[in-house]
Amino acid sequence: MKNQVFISIIWIIIGYLFGSIPWGLVIGKVFYNKDLRQYGSGNPGGTNAARVLGLHVGIIVILLDALKALLVMLLCNKFNPGIEQYVGLAVCFGHCFPIFSNFKGGKAVASSYGYLLGIALLVTHEYIYTFLIALISFFVILLLFRMVSLASMISLLIGAISIFIKVDKNIGILVFLLSLFVIYRHSANIKRILDGSEPKIFTKKN
């Protein structure tokens, strides 16, 4: 029993460390000699990477950040199954408070989607539609309101609710708590949404 607890703690630490890899900062510094924290919104995530370094870079950063959670959950499922959902949460936490960049990270949106996919594939198995519901909701809200932040927050909540109602209430609560954490990380965005100053995409520049 004690040995299993120790192994579980090790996996959670692995999840946190893997989540701490700041892909946006790595790509920005290595290939563009730019620190994303000094440009745009100052956030090292995919959205700011797209604004500062180009859409293609933003997509790469988003995919890598999402894969952080998914890959660690896949590895955990292979070697120590049963705690994937907690290890995935550790990845999301590490993304927001990375030890490799002074605990100043992103908002865990992409990592949360990687977590949702990991949940769908490993924990709830055939219930991949919960991930698809969240993903489709993201693009629908994005097209309607043109705000990445708003689409991210609402779509993750929708994913949490769909899991809670249709799949597993305990896992649904975990995803709901993760969604609340992501919303908290978007506090500044929420203020800008309320005062009408939040940046929008698909907006033509003069």
N, C-alpha and C. Protein backbone atom coordinates (compact mmCIF):
# COMPACT_ATOMS: atom_id res chain seq x y z
N MET A 1 0.83 -1.20 0.00
CA MET A 1 0.00 0.00 0.00
C MET A 1 0.87 1.27 0.00
N LYS A 2 1.84 1.31 0.93
CA LYS A 2 2.73 2.46 1.00
C LYS A 2 3.53 2.61 -0.29
N ASN A 3 3.94 1.46 -0.83
CA ASN A 3 4.71 1.48 -2.07
C ASN A 3 3.87 2.06 -3.21
N GLN A 4 2.57 1.70 -3.26
CA GLN A 4 1.69 2.20 -4.31
C GLN A 4 1.47 3.71 -4.17
N VAL A 5 1.34 4.17 -2.96
CA VAL A 5 1.18 5.62 -2.72
C VAL A 5 2.43 6.36 -3.18
N PHE A 6 3.59 5.80 -2.87
CA PHE A 6 4.86 6.43 -3.28
C PHE A 6 4.96 6.49 -4.81
N ILE A 7 4.60 5.41 -5.48
CA ILE A 7 4.65 5.37 -6.94
C ILE A 7 3.68 6.39 -7.53
N SER A 8 2.50 6.51 -6.93
CA SER A 8 1.51 7.47 -7.41
C SER A 8 2.02 8.89 -7.28
N ILE A 9 2.69 9.18 -6.16
CA ILE A 9 3.26 10.52 -5.95
C ILE A 9 4.34 10.80 -6.99
N ILE A 10 5.16 9.80 -7.29
CA ILE A 10 6.20 9.96 -8.31
C ILE A 10 5.57 10.30 -9.65
N TRP A 11 4.49 9.62 -10.01
CA TRP A 11 3.82 9.89 -11.28
C TRP A 11 3.23 11.30 -11.32
N ILE A 12 2.69 11.74 -10.22
CA ILE A 12 2.13 13.10 -10.16
C ILE A 12 3.25 14.13 -10.32
N ILE A 13 4.41 13.85 -9.72
CA ILE A 13 5.56 14.75 -9.88
C ILE A 13 6.02 14.75 -11.34
N ILE A 14 6.05 13.56 -11.96
CA ILE A 14 6.41 13.47 -13.38
C ILE A 14 5.44 14.30 -14.21
N GLY A 15 4.15 14.20 -13.90
CA GLY A 15 3.15 14.98 -14.61
C GLY A 15 3.40 16.47 -14.48
N TYR A 16 3.69 16.91 -13.26
CA TYR A 16 3.97 18.33 -13.03
C TYR A 16 5.20 18.79 -13.81
N LEU A 17 6.27 18.00 -13.77
CA LEU A 17 7.50 18.39 -14.46
C LEU A 17 7.30 18.43 -15.97
N PHE A 18 6.57 17.45 -16.49
CA PHE A 18 6.31 17.44 -17.92
C PHE A 18 5.44 18.64 -18.31
N GLY A 19 4.47 18.95 -17.46
CA GLY A 19 3.62 20.11 -17.71
C GLY A 19 4.40 21.41 -17.64
N SER A 20 5.50 21.42 -16.92
CA SER A 20 6.31 22.62 -16.75
C SER A 20 7.14 22.97 -17.98
N ILE A 21 7.20 22.07 -18.96
CA ILE A 21 7.96 22.38 -20.17
C ILE A 21 7.26 23.51 -20.93
N PRO A 22 7.88 24.68 -21.03
CA PRO A 22 7.22 25.84 -21.66
C PRO A 22 7.47 25.87 -23.17
N TRP A 23 6.70 25.11 -23.91
CA TRP A 23 6.96 24.96 -25.34
C TRP A 23 6.95 26.30 -26.08
N GLY A 24 6.05 27.19 -25.69
CA GLY A 24 6.01 28.50 -26.34
C GLY A 24 7.30 29.27 -26.16
N LEU A 25 7.84 29.23 -24.95
CA LEU A 25 9.10 29.92 -24.67
C LEU A 25 10.26 29.24 -25.41
N VAL A 26 10.26 27.92 -25.40
CA VAL A 26 11.35 27.18 -26.06
C VAL A 26 11.38 27.50 -27.55
N ILE A 27 10.25 27.39 -28.21
CA ILE A 27 10.20 27.64 -29.65
C ILE A 27 10.51 29.10 -29.95
N GLY A 28 9.97 30.01 -29.15
CA GLY A 28 10.22 31.43 -29.37
C GLY A 28 11.69 31.80 -29.26
N LYS A 29 12.35 31.27 -28.23
CA LYS A 29 13.76 31.62 -28.01
C LYS A 29 14.69 30.90 -28.98
N VAL A 30 14.44 29.62 -29.23
CA VAL A 30 15.35 28.83 -30.06
C VAL A 30 15.26 29.23 -31.53
N PHE A 31 14.05 29.41 -32.04
CA PHE A 31 13.87 29.63 -33.48
C PHE A 31 13.65 31.09 -33.87
N TYR A 32 13.23 31.93 -32.91
CA TYR A 32 12.91 33.32 -33.27
C TYR A 32 13.64 34.34 -32.40
N ASN A 33 14.40 33.85 -31.43
CA ASN A 33 15.13 34.74 -30.52
C ASN A 33 14.19 35.74 -29.85
N LYS A 34 13.00 35.25 -29.47
CA LYS A 34 12.01 36.10 -28.81
C LYS A 34 11.48 35.40 -27.56
N ASP A 35 11.34 36.18 -26.51
CA ASP A 35 10.72 35.69 -25.28
C ASP A 35 9.26 36.12 -25.31
N LEU A 36 8.35 35.17 -25.45
CA LEU A 36 6.94 35.51 -25.57
C LEU A 36 6.42 36.32 -24.40
N ARG A 37 7.07 36.20 -23.26
CA ARG A 37 6.63 36.95 -22.09
C ARG A 37 6.86 38.45 -22.22
N GLN A 38 7.63 38.83 -23.23
CA GLN A 38 7.93 40.25 -23.45
C GLN A 38 7.17 40.83 -24.64
N TYR A 39 6.26 40.04 -25.22
CA TYR A 39 5.52 40.50 -26.40
C TYR A 39 4.03 40.18 -26.23
N GLY A 40 3.21 40.93 -26.94
CA GLY A 40 1.78 40.67 -26.93
C GLY A 40 1.20 40.73 -25.53
N SER A 41 0.45 39.68 -25.19
CA SER A 41 -0.18 39.62 -23.86
C SER A 41 0.80 39.20 -22.77
N GLY A 42 2.00 38.74 -23.18
CA GLY A 42 2.99 38.27 -22.21
C GLY A 42 2.77 36.83 -21.80
N ASN A 43 1.75 36.20 -22.36
CA ASN A 43 1.45 34.81 -22.02
C ASN A 43 2.25 33.87 -22.93
N PRO A 44 2.84 32.81 -22.38
CA PRO A 44 3.66 31.90 -23.20
C PRO A 44 2.86 30.82 -23.93
N GLY A 45 1.54 30.94 -23.93
CA GLY A 45 0.71 29.91 -24.55
C GLY A 45 0.55 30.08 -26.05
N GLY A 46 -0.28 29.21 -26.63
CA GLY A 46 -0.45 29.15 -28.06
C GLY A 46 -1.07 30.38 -28.68
N THR A 47 -2.05 30.99 -28.00
CA THR A 47 -2.72 32.17 -28.57
C THR A 47 -1.76 33.33 -28.75
N ASN A 48 -0.96 33.59 -27.73
CA ASN A 48 0.01 34.68 -27.84
C ASN A 48 1.12 34.33 -28.83
N ALA A 49 1.49 33.04 -28.89
CA ALA A 49 2.49 32.62 -29.87
C ALA A 49 1.99 32.88 -31.29
N ALA A 50 0.70 32.65 -31.51
CA ALA A 50 0.12 32.90 -32.83
C ALA A 50 0.16 34.39 -33.17
N ARG A 51 -0.12 35.23 -32.17
CA ARG A 51 -0.11 36.68 -32.41
C ARG A 51 1.30 37.19 -32.69
N VAL A 52 2.27 36.68 -31.94
CA VAL A 52 3.62 37.22 -32.01
C VAL A 52 4.46 36.55 -33.09
N LEU A 53 4.35 35.22 -33.20
CA LEU A 53 5.25 34.47 -34.09
C LEU A 53 4.56 33.93 -35.33
N GLY A 54 3.25 34.04 -35.40
CA GLY A 54 2.54 33.55 -36.57
C GLY A 54 1.59 32.41 -36.23
N LEU A 55 0.54 32.28 -37.03
CA LEU A 55 -0.49 31.27 -36.77
C LEU A 55 0.08 29.86 -36.73
N HIS A 56 0.99 29.55 -37.64
CA HIS A 56 1.54 28.19 -37.70
C HIS A 56 2.29 27.85 -36.42
N VAL A 57 3.00 28.83 -35.86
CA VAL A 57 3.71 28.58 -34.60
C VAL A 57 2.71 28.39 -33.46
N GLY A 58 1.67 29.21 -33.46
CA GLY A 58 0.65 29.09 -32.43
C GLY A 58 0.01 27.71 -32.43
N ILE A 59 -0.26 27.19 -33.63
CA ILE A 59 -0.87 25.85 -33.73
C ILE A 59 0.09 24.79 -33.20
N ILE A 60 1.37 24.92 -33.53
CA ILE A 60 2.36 23.96 -33.04
C ILE A 60 2.45 23.98 -31.52
N VAL A 61 2.47 25.19 -30.94
CA VAL A 61 2.54 25.31 -29.48
C VAL A 61 1.29 24.72 -28.83
N ILE A 62 0.12 24.99 -29.41
CA ILE A 62 -1.12 24.44 -28.87
C ILE A 62 -1.10 22.91 -28.88
N LEU A 63 -0.66 22.34 -29.99
CA LEU A 63 -0.60 20.87 -30.10
C LEU A 63 0.38 20.28 -29.10
N LEU A 64 1.55 20.91 -28.97
CA LEU A 64 2.55 20.40 -28.03
C LEU A 64 2.06 20.51 -26.59
N ASP A 65 1.39 21.61 -26.27
CA ASP A 65 0.86 21.78 -24.91
C ASP A 65 -0.24 20.76 -24.61
N ALA A 66 -1.06 20.47 -25.62
CA ALA A 66 -2.11 19.46 -25.44
C ALA A 66 -1.50 18.07 -25.28
N LEU A 67 -0.45 17.81 -26.06
CA LEU A 67 0.20 16.49 -25.99
C LEU A 67 0.87 16.25 -24.66
N LYS A 68 1.25 17.33 -23.96
CA LYS A 68 1.88 17.15 -22.65
C LYS A 68 1.00 16.31 -21.74
N ALA A 69 -0.27 16.68 -21.66
CA ALA A 69 -1.18 15.95 -20.78
C ALA A 69 -1.49 14.57 -21.33
N LEU A 70 -1.77 14.50 -22.62
CA LEU A 70 -2.16 13.22 -23.21
C LEU A 70 -1.04 12.18 -23.11
N LEU A 71 0.19 12.56 -23.44
CA LEU A 71 1.30 11.60 -23.43
C LEU A 71 1.60 11.08 -22.03
N VAL A 72 1.59 11.98 -21.05
CA VAL A 72 1.85 11.54 -19.68
C VAL A 72 0.75 10.60 -19.20
N MET A 73 -0.49 10.90 -19.57
CA MET A 73 -1.59 10.03 -19.18
C MET A 73 -1.48 8.66 -19.86
N LEU A 74 -1.04 8.65 -21.12
CA LEU A 74 -0.83 7.38 -21.82
C LEU A 74 0.26 6.55 -21.15
N LEU A 75 1.35 7.21 -20.78
CA LEU A 75 2.44 6.51 -20.11
C LEU A 75 2.00 5.97 -18.75
N CYS A 76 1.26 6.80 -18.03
CA CYS A 76 0.78 6.38 -16.71
C CYS A 76 -0.16 5.18 -16.84
N ASN A 77 -1.00 5.21 -17.86
CA ASN A 77 -1.93 4.11 -18.09
C ASN A 77 -1.19 2.80 -18.37
N LYS A 78 -0.04 2.91 -19.01
CA LYS A 78 0.74 1.71 -19.35
C LYS A 78 1.47 1.14 -18.15
N PHE A 79 2.04 2.01 -17.32
CA PHE A 79 2.90 1.54 -16.23
C PHE A 79 2.25 1.59 -14.85
N ASN A 80 1.27 2.46 -14.66
CA ASN A 80 0.62 2.57 -13.35
C ASN A 80 -0.83 3.02 -13.52
N PRO A 81 -1.66 2.18 -14.14
CA PRO A 81 -3.03 2.57 -14.46
C PRO A 81 -3.88 2.83 -13.21
N GLY A 82 -4.86 3.70 -13.40
CA GLY A 82 -5.79 3.98 -12.31
C GLY A 82 -5.71 5.38 -11.76
N ILE A 83 -4.62 6.09 -12.05
CA ILE A 83 -4.47 7.46 -11.53
C ILE A 83 -4.25 8.47 -12.66
N GLU A 84 -4.59 8.06 -13.88
CA GLU A 84 -4.34 8.92 -15.04
C GLU A 84 -4.97 10.30 -14.89
N GLN A 85 -6.20 10.34 -14.34
CA GLN A 85 -6.91 11.61 -14.25
C GLN A 85 -6.21 12.59 -13.31
N TYR A 86 -5.51 12.08 -12.30
CA TYR A 86 -4.80 12.95 -11.35
C TYR A 86 -3.45 13.38 -11.91
N VAL A 87 -2.81 12.48 -12.62
CA VAL A 87 -1.53 12.82 -13.26
C VAL A 87 -1.76 13.89 -14.34
N GLY A 88 -2.86 13.76 -15.08
CA GLY A 88 -3.19 14.76 -16.08
C GLY A 88 -3.44 16.13 -15.47
N LEU A 89 -4.09 16.16 -14.32
CA LEU A 89 -4.30 17.43 -13.62
C LEU A 89 -2.97 18.05 -13.20
N ALA A 90 -2.02 17.20 -12.80
CA ALA A 90 -0.70 17.70 -12.42
C ALA A 90 0.00 18.35 -13.61
N VAL A 91 -0.22 17.81 -14.80
CA VAL A 91 0.35 18.42 -16.01
C VAL A 91 -0.22 19.82 -16.21
N CYS A 92 -1.53 19.96 -16.07
CA CYS A 92 -2.19 21.26 -16.24
C CYS A 92 -1.68 22.26 -15.21
N PHE A 93 -1.50 21.81 -13.98
CA PHE A 93 -0.98 22.68 -12.93
C PHE A 93 0.44 23.10 -13.25
N GLY A 94 1.25 22.14 -13.73
CA GLY A 94 2.62 22.45 -14.09
C GLY A 94 2.70 23.44 -15.23
N HIS A 95 1.76 23.36 -16.16
CA HIS A 95 1.74 24.31 -17.27
C HIS A 95 1.53 25.74 -16.77
N CYS A 96 0.67 25.89 -15.77
CA CYS A 96 0.38 27.22 -15.23
C CYS A 96 1.48 27.74 -14.30
N PHE A 97 2.10 26.83 -13.57
CA PHE A 97 3.14 27.22 -12.61
C PHE A 97 4.40 26.38 -12.85
N PRO A 98 5.04 26.61 -14.00
CA PRO A 98 6.19 25.77 -14.40
C PRO A 98 7.46 26.06 -13.60
N ILE A 99 8.05 25.01 -13.11
CA ILE A 99 9.29 25.16 -12.34
C ILE A 99 10.44 25.62 -13.24
N PHE A 100 10.33 25.36 -14.55
CA PHE A 100 11.41 25.71 -15.47
C PHE A 100 11.37 27.16 -15.95
N SER A 101 10.34 27.91 -15.59
CA SER A 101 10.28 29.32 -15.99
C SER A 101 9.69 30.18 -14.88
N ASN A 102 10.28 30.03 -13.69
CA ASN A 102 9.95 30.86 -12.52
C ASN A 102 8.48 30.81 -12.14
N PHE A 103 7.84 29.68 -12.37
CA PHE A 103 6.45 29.43 -11.98
C PHE A 103 5.46 30.39 -12.65
N LYS A 104 5.86 30.98 -13.77
CA LYS A 104 4.98 31.88 -14.51
C LYS A 104 4.68 31.25 -15.87
N GLY A 105 3.50 30.63 -15.97
CA GLY A 105 3.16 29.90 -17.18
C GLY A 105 1.90 30.40 -17.84
N GLY A 106 1.26 29.50 -18.60
CA GLY A 106 0.08 29.85 -19.37
C GLY A 106 -1.21 29.64 -18.59
N LYS A 107 -2.28 29.44 -19.34
CA LYS A 107 -3.61 29.35 -18.74
C LYS A 107 -4.20 27.94 -18.83
N ALA A 108 -3.42 27.00 -19.36
CA ALA A 108 -3.76 25.58 -19.35
C ALA A 108 -4.94 25.19 -20.24
N VAL A 109 -5.27 26.01 -21.24
CA VAL A 109 -6.38 25.65 -22.12
C VAL A 109 -6.02 24.44 -22.97
N ALA A 110 -4.91 24.53 -23.70
CA ALA A 110 -4.51 23.41 -24.56
C ALA A 110 -4.23 22.15 -23.73
N SER A 111 -3.58 22.32 -22.59
CA SER A 111 -3.30 21.18 -21.72
C SER A 111 -4.60 20.56 -21.21
N SER A 112 -5.59 21.39 -20.95
CA SER A 112 -6.89 20.89 -20.49
C SER A 112 -7.58 20.08 -21.57
N TYR A 113 -7.42 20.50 -22.82
CA TYR A 113 -7.99 19.72 -23.91
C TYR A 113 -7.26 18.40 -24.09
N GLY A 114 -5.95 18.40 -23.89
CA GLY A 114 -5.21 17.15 -23.89
C GLY A 114 -5.68 16.25 -22.77
N TYR A 115 -5.99 16.86 -21.63
CA TYR A 115 -6.52 16.13 -20.48
C TYR A 115 -7.88 15.52 -20.81
N LEU A 116 -8.75 16.32 -21.43
CA LEU A 116 -10.08 15.82 -21.82
C LEU A 116 -9.96 14.63 -22.77
N LEU A 117 -9.03 14.73 -23.72
CA LEU A 117 -8.84 13.63 -24.67
C LEU A 117 -8.31 12.39 -23.95
N GLY A 118 -7.39 12.60 -23.02
CA GLY A 118 -6.87 11.48 -22.24
C GLY A 118 -7.96 10.82 -21.41
N ILE A 119 -8.83 11.62 -20.81
CA ILE A 119 -9.97 11.10 -20.05
C ILE A 119 -10.85 10.25 -20.96
N ALA A 120 -11.15 10.80 -22.14
CA ALA A 120 -12.04 10.11 -23.08
C ALA A 120 -11.44 8.78 -23.55
N LEU A 121 -10.15 8.76 -23.80
CA LEU A 121 -9.51 7.56 -24.35
C LEU A 121 -9.18 6.52 -23.28
N LEU A 122 -8.78 6.98 -22.10
CA LEU A 122 -8.24 6.06 -21.11
C LEU A 122 -9.17 5.75 -19.94
N VAL A 123 -9.96 6.74 -19.54
CA VAL A 123 -10.77 6.57 -18.34
C VAL A 123 -12.21 6.22 -18.68
N THR A 124 -12.80 6.96 -19.61
CA THR A 124 -14.18 6.70 -19.98
C THR A 124 -14.29 5.89 -21.26
N HIS A 125 -13.15 5.57 -21.85
CA HIS A 125 -13.06 4.68 -23.00
C HIS A 125 -13.91 5.14 -24.19
N GLU A 126 -15.09 4.51 -24.39
CA GLU A 126 -15.84 4.78 -25.61
C GLU A 126 -16.50 6.16 -25.64
N TYR A 127 -16.42 6.91 -24.55
CA TYR A 127 -17.11 8.19 -24.49
C TYR A 127 -16.27 9.33 -25.06
N ILE A 128 -15.76 9.12 -26.25
CA ILE A 128 -14.96 10.14 -26.92
C ILE A 128 -15.83 11.35 -27.28
N TYR A 129 -17.14 11.16 -27.34
CA TYR A 129 -18.02 12.27 -27.72
C TYR A 129 -17.97 13.42 -26.72
N THR A 130 -17.59 13.14 -25.47
CA THR A 130 -17.48 14.23 -24.50
C THR A 130 -16.39 15.20 -24.89
N PHE A 131 -15.29 14.66 -25.42
CA PHE A 131 -14.21 15.51 -25.92
C PHE A 131 -14.66 16.26 -27.16
N LEU A 132 -15.37 15.57 -28.05
CA LEU A 132 -15.83 16.19 -29.29
C LEU A 132 -16.85 17.29 -29.01
N ILE A 133 -17.70 17.09 -28.02
CA ILE A 133 -18.68 18.12 -27.64
C ILE A 133 -17.96 19.39 -27.22
N ALA A 134 -16.94 19.25 -26.39
CA ALA A 134 -16.18 20.41 -25.93
C ALA A 134 -15.46 21.08 -27.09
N LEU A 135 -14.85 20.28 -27.97
CA LEU A 135 -14.09 20.83 -29.10
C LEU A 135 -15.02 21.56 -30.08
N ILE A 136 -16.14 20.96 -30.40
CA ILE A 136 -17.09 21.61 -31.31
C ILE A 136 -17.63 22.89 -30.68
N SER A 137 -17.91 22.84 -29.38
CA SER A 137 -18.40 24.02 -28.68
C SER A 137 -17.40 25.16 -28.76
N PHE A 138 -16.11 24.81 -28.65
CA PHE A 138 -15.07 25.84 -28.74
C PHE A 138 -15.14 26.58 -30.06
N PHE A 139 -15.22 25.84 -31.16
CA PHE A 139 -15.21 26.48 -32.48
C PHE A 139 -16.51 27.24 -32.76
N VAL A 140 -17.62 26.72 -32.27
CA VAL A 140 -18.90 27.43 -32.45
C VAL A 140 -18.88 28.77 -31.72
N ILE A 141 -18.45 28.74 -30.46
CA ILE A 141 -18.39 29.97 -29.66
C ILE A 141 -17.36 30.94 -30.25
N LEU A 142 -16.25 30.39 -30.73
CA LEU A 142 -15.22 31.24 -31.34
C LEU A 142 -15.76 31.95 -32.58
N LEU A 143 -16.50 31.23 -33.40
CA LEU A 143 -17.07 31.84 -34.60
C LEU A 143 -18.13 32.88 -34.26
N LEU A 144 -18.89 32.63 -33.19
CA LEU A 144 -19.96 33.55 -32.82
C LEU A 144 -19.43 34.83 -32.18
N PHE A 145 -18.44 34.68 -31.28
CA PHE A 145 -18.00 35.83 -30.48
C PHE A 145 -16.58 36.29 -30.81
N ARG A 146 -15.82 35.46 -31.54
CA ARG A 146 -14.48 35.81 -32.01
C ARG A 146 -13.48 36.06 -30.87
N MET A 147 -13.74 35.47 -29.70
CA MET A 147 -12.83 35.62 -28.56
C MET A 147 -12.35 34.23 -28.12
N VAL A 148 -11.04 34.00 -28.25
CA VAL A 148 -10.47 32.71 -27.87
C VAL A 148 -10.68 32.43 -26.39
N SER A 149 -10.51 33.44 -25.57
CA SER A 149 -10.65 33.26 -24.12
C SER A 149 -12.05 32.80 -23.74
N LEU A 150 -13.06 33.47 -24.29
CA LEU A 150 -14.45 33.12 -23.99
C LEU A 150 -14.77 31.71 -24.48
N ALA A 151 -14.34 31.38 -25.69
CA ALA A 151 -14.58 30.04 -26.24
C ALA A 151 -13.90 28.97 -25.39
N SER A 152 -12.69 29.27 -24.90
CA SER A 152 -11.95 28.31 -24.08
C SER A 152 -12.67 28.03 -22.77
N MET A 153 -13.09 29.07 -22.09
CA MET A 153 -13.73 28.90 -20.78
C MET A 153 -15.06 28.17 -20.88
N ILE A 154 -15.91 28.60 -21.79
CA ILE A 154 -17.24 28.02 -21.89
C ILE A 154 -17.18 26.58 -22.41
N SER A 155 -16.32 26.31 -23.39
CA SER A 155 -16.26 24.96 -23.96
C SER A 155 -15.76 23.94 -22.93
N LEU A 156 -14.82 24.33 -22.09
CA LEU A 156 -14.34 23.41 -21.05
C LEU A 156 -15.44 23.13 -20.03
N LEU A 157 -16.23 24.15 -19.70
CA LEU A 157 -17.37 23.93 -18.80
C LEU A 157 -18.38 22.98 -19.43
N ILE A 158 -18.63 23.16 -20.71
CA ILE A 158 -19.56 22.27 -21.41
C ILE A 158 -19.04 20.83 -21.39
N GLY A 159 -17.73 20.68 -21.60
CA GLY A 159 -17.13 19.35 -21.52
C GLY A 159 -17.30 18.72 -20.15
N ALA A 160 -17.11 19.52 -19.11
CA ALA A 160 -17.26 19.03 -17.74
C ALA A 160 -18.70 18.59 -17.48
N ILE A 161 -19.65 19.41 -17.91
CA ILE A 161 -21.07 19.10 -17.70
C ILE A 161 -21.46 17.83 -18.45
N SER A 162 -20.97 17.68 -19.68
CA SER A 162 -21.32 16.49 -20.46
C SER A 162 -20.77 15.22 -19.82
N ILE A 163 -19.57 15.30 -19.26
CA ILE A 163 -19.00 14.14 -18.56
C ILE A 163 -19.80 13.83 -17.30
N PHE A 164 -20.15 14.88 -16.55
CA PHE A 164 -20.90 14.70 -15.30
C PHE A 164 -22.25 14.05 -15.55
N ILE A 165 -22.95 14.49 -16.60
CA ILE A 165 -24.31 14.00 -16.87
C ILE A 165 -24.30 12.64 -17.55
N LYS A 166 -23.42 12.46 -18.53
CA LYS A 166 -23.50 11.29 -19.38
C LYS A 166 -22.52 10.16 -19.03
N VAL A 167 -21.45 10.48 -18.33
CA VAL A 167 -20.38 9.48 -18.18
C VAL A 167 -20.12 9.11 -16.73
N ASP A 168 -19.47 10.01 -16.00
CA ASP A 168 -19.03 9.68 -14.64
C ASP A 168 -19.04 10.96 -13.80
N LYS A 169 -19.82 10.95 -12.74
CA LYS A 169 -19.97 12.16 -11.92
C LYS A 169 -18.67 12.55 -11.23
N ASN A 170 -17.90 11.58 -10.76
CA ASN A 170 -16.65 11.90 -10.07
C ASN A 170 -15.64 12.55 -11.01
N ILE A 171 -15.50 11.99 -12.21
CA ILE A 171 -14.59 12.57 -13.18
C ILE A 171 -15.13 13.91 -13.66
N GLY A 172 -16.46 14.00 -13.79
CA GLY A 172 -17.08 15.26 -14.17
C GLY A 172 -16.75 16.37 -13.19
N ILE A 173 -16.72 16.03 -11.90
CA ILE A 173 -16.37 17.03 -10.87
C ILE A 173 -14.91 17.46 -11.04
N LEU A 174 -14.02 16.51 -11.32
CA LEU A 174 -12.61 16.85 -11.53
C LEU A 174 -12.45 17.81 -12.71
N VAL A 175 -13.13 17.51 -13.81
CA VAL A 175 -13.04 18.38 -14.99
C VAL A 175 -13.68 19.73 -14.71
N PHE A 176 -14.75 19.74 -13.93
CA PHE A 176 -15.39 21.00 -13.57
C PHE A 176 -14.44 21.87 -12.74
N LEU A 177 -13.74 21.25 -11.80
CA LEU A 177 -12.77 21.99 -10.98
C LEU A 177 -11.63 22.51 -11.86
N LEU A 178 -11.21 21.70 -12.82
CA LEU A 178 -10.18 22.15 -13.76
C LEU A 178 -10.70 23.35 -14.57
N SER A 179 -11.95 23.29 -14.97
CA SER A 179 -12.55 24.39 -15.73
C SER A 179 -12.58 25.67 -14.90
N LEU A 180 -12.92 25.55 -13.62
CA LEU A 180 -12.92 26.72 -12.74
C LEU A 180 -11.52 27.29 -12.59
N PHE A 181 -10.53 26.42 -12.54
CA PHE A 181 -9.14 26.86 -12.45
C PHE A 181 -8.74 27.62 -13.71
N VAL A 182 -9.14 27.10 -14.86
CA VAL A 182 -8.85 27.77 -16.13
C VAL A 182 -9.54 29.13 -16.18
N ILE A 183 -10.78 29.19 -15.69
CA ILE A 183 -11.51 30.47 -15.65
C ILE A 183 -10.78 31.46 -14.74
N TYR A 184 -10.30 30.97 -13.60
CA TYR A 184 -9.52 31.83 -12.70
C TYR A 184 -8.28 32.37 -13.39
N ARG A 185 -7.64 31.54 -14.18
CA ARG A 185 -6.44 31.98 -14.90
C ARG A 185 -6.78 33.02 -15.97
N HIS A 186 -8.04 33.12 -16.32
CA HIS A 186 -8.50 34.09 -17.32
C HIS A 186 -9.12 35.34 -16.68
N SER A 187 -8.80 35.60 -15.43
CA SER A 187 -9.42 36.73 -14.72
C SER A 187 -9.26 38.04 -15.48
N ALA A 188 -8.06 38.29 -16.00
CA ALA A 188 -7.82 39.53 -16.74
C ALA A 188 -8.64 39.56 -18.02
N ASN A 189 -8.77 38.41 -18.68
CA ASN A 189 -9.58 38.34 -19.90
C ASN A 189 -11.04 38.63 -19.60
N ILE A 190 -11.52 38.10 -18.48
CA ILE A 190 -12.92 38.32 -18.11
C ILE A 190 -13.20 39.81 -17.91
N LYS A 191 -12.27 40.51 -17.27
CA LYS A 191 -12.43 41.94 -17.08
C LYS A 191 -12.49 42.66 -18.42
N ARG A 192 -11.63 42.24 -19.35
CA ARG A 192 -11.63 42.87 -20.67
C ARG A 192 -12.90 42.53 -21.46
N ILE A 193 -13.40 41.32 -21.29
CA ILE A 193 -14.65 40.95 -21.96
C ILE A 193 -15.79 41.83 -21.46
N LEU A 194 -15.82 42.06 -20.16
CA LEU A 194 -16.90 42.86 -19.56
C LEU A 194 -16.83 44.33 -19.98
N ASP A 195 -15.61 44.84 -20.15
CA ASP A 195 -15.51 46.25 -20.55
C ASP A 195 -15.35 46.44 -22.06
N GLY A 196 -15.44 45.31 -22.80
CA GLY A 196 -15.44 45.39 -24.25
C GLY A 196 -14.09 45.57 -24.91
N SER A 197 -13.01 45.32 -24.18
CA SER A 197 -11.67 45.54 -24.74
C SER A 197 -10.91 44.24 -25.04
N GLU A 198 -11.56 43.10 -24.90
CA GLU A 198 -10.89 41.83 -25.17
C GLU A 198 -10.61 41.71 -26.67
N PRO A 199 -9.36 41.37 -27.05
CA PRO A 199 -9.02 41.24 -28.48
C PRO A 199 -9.88 40.15 -29.15
N LYS A 200 -10.24 40.42 -30.39
CA LYS A 200 -11.02 39.46 -31.16
C LYS A 200 -10.25 39.01 -32.39
N ILE A 201 -10.53 37.80 -32.82
CA ILE A 201 -9.92 37.31 -34.05
C ILE A 201 -10.90 37.54 -35.21
N PHE A 202 -10.43 37.29 -36.41
CA PHE A 202 -11.20 37.51 -37.63
C PHE A 202 -11.62 38.97 -37.77
N THR A 203 -10.87 39.88 -37.13
CA THR A 203 -11.18 41.30 -37.23
C THR A 203 -10.22 41.95 -38.20
N LYS A 204 -10.76 42.64 -39.18
CA LYS A 204 -9.93 43.31 -40.16
C LYS A 204 -9.23 44.51 -39.56
N LYS A 205 -7.92 44.62 -39.86
CA LYS A 205 -7.16 45.75 -39.36
C LYS A 205 -7.22 46.89 -40.38
N ASN A 206 -7.33 48.11 -39.88
CA ASN A 206 -7.35 49.28 -40.76
C ASN A 206 -5.97 49.58 -41.32
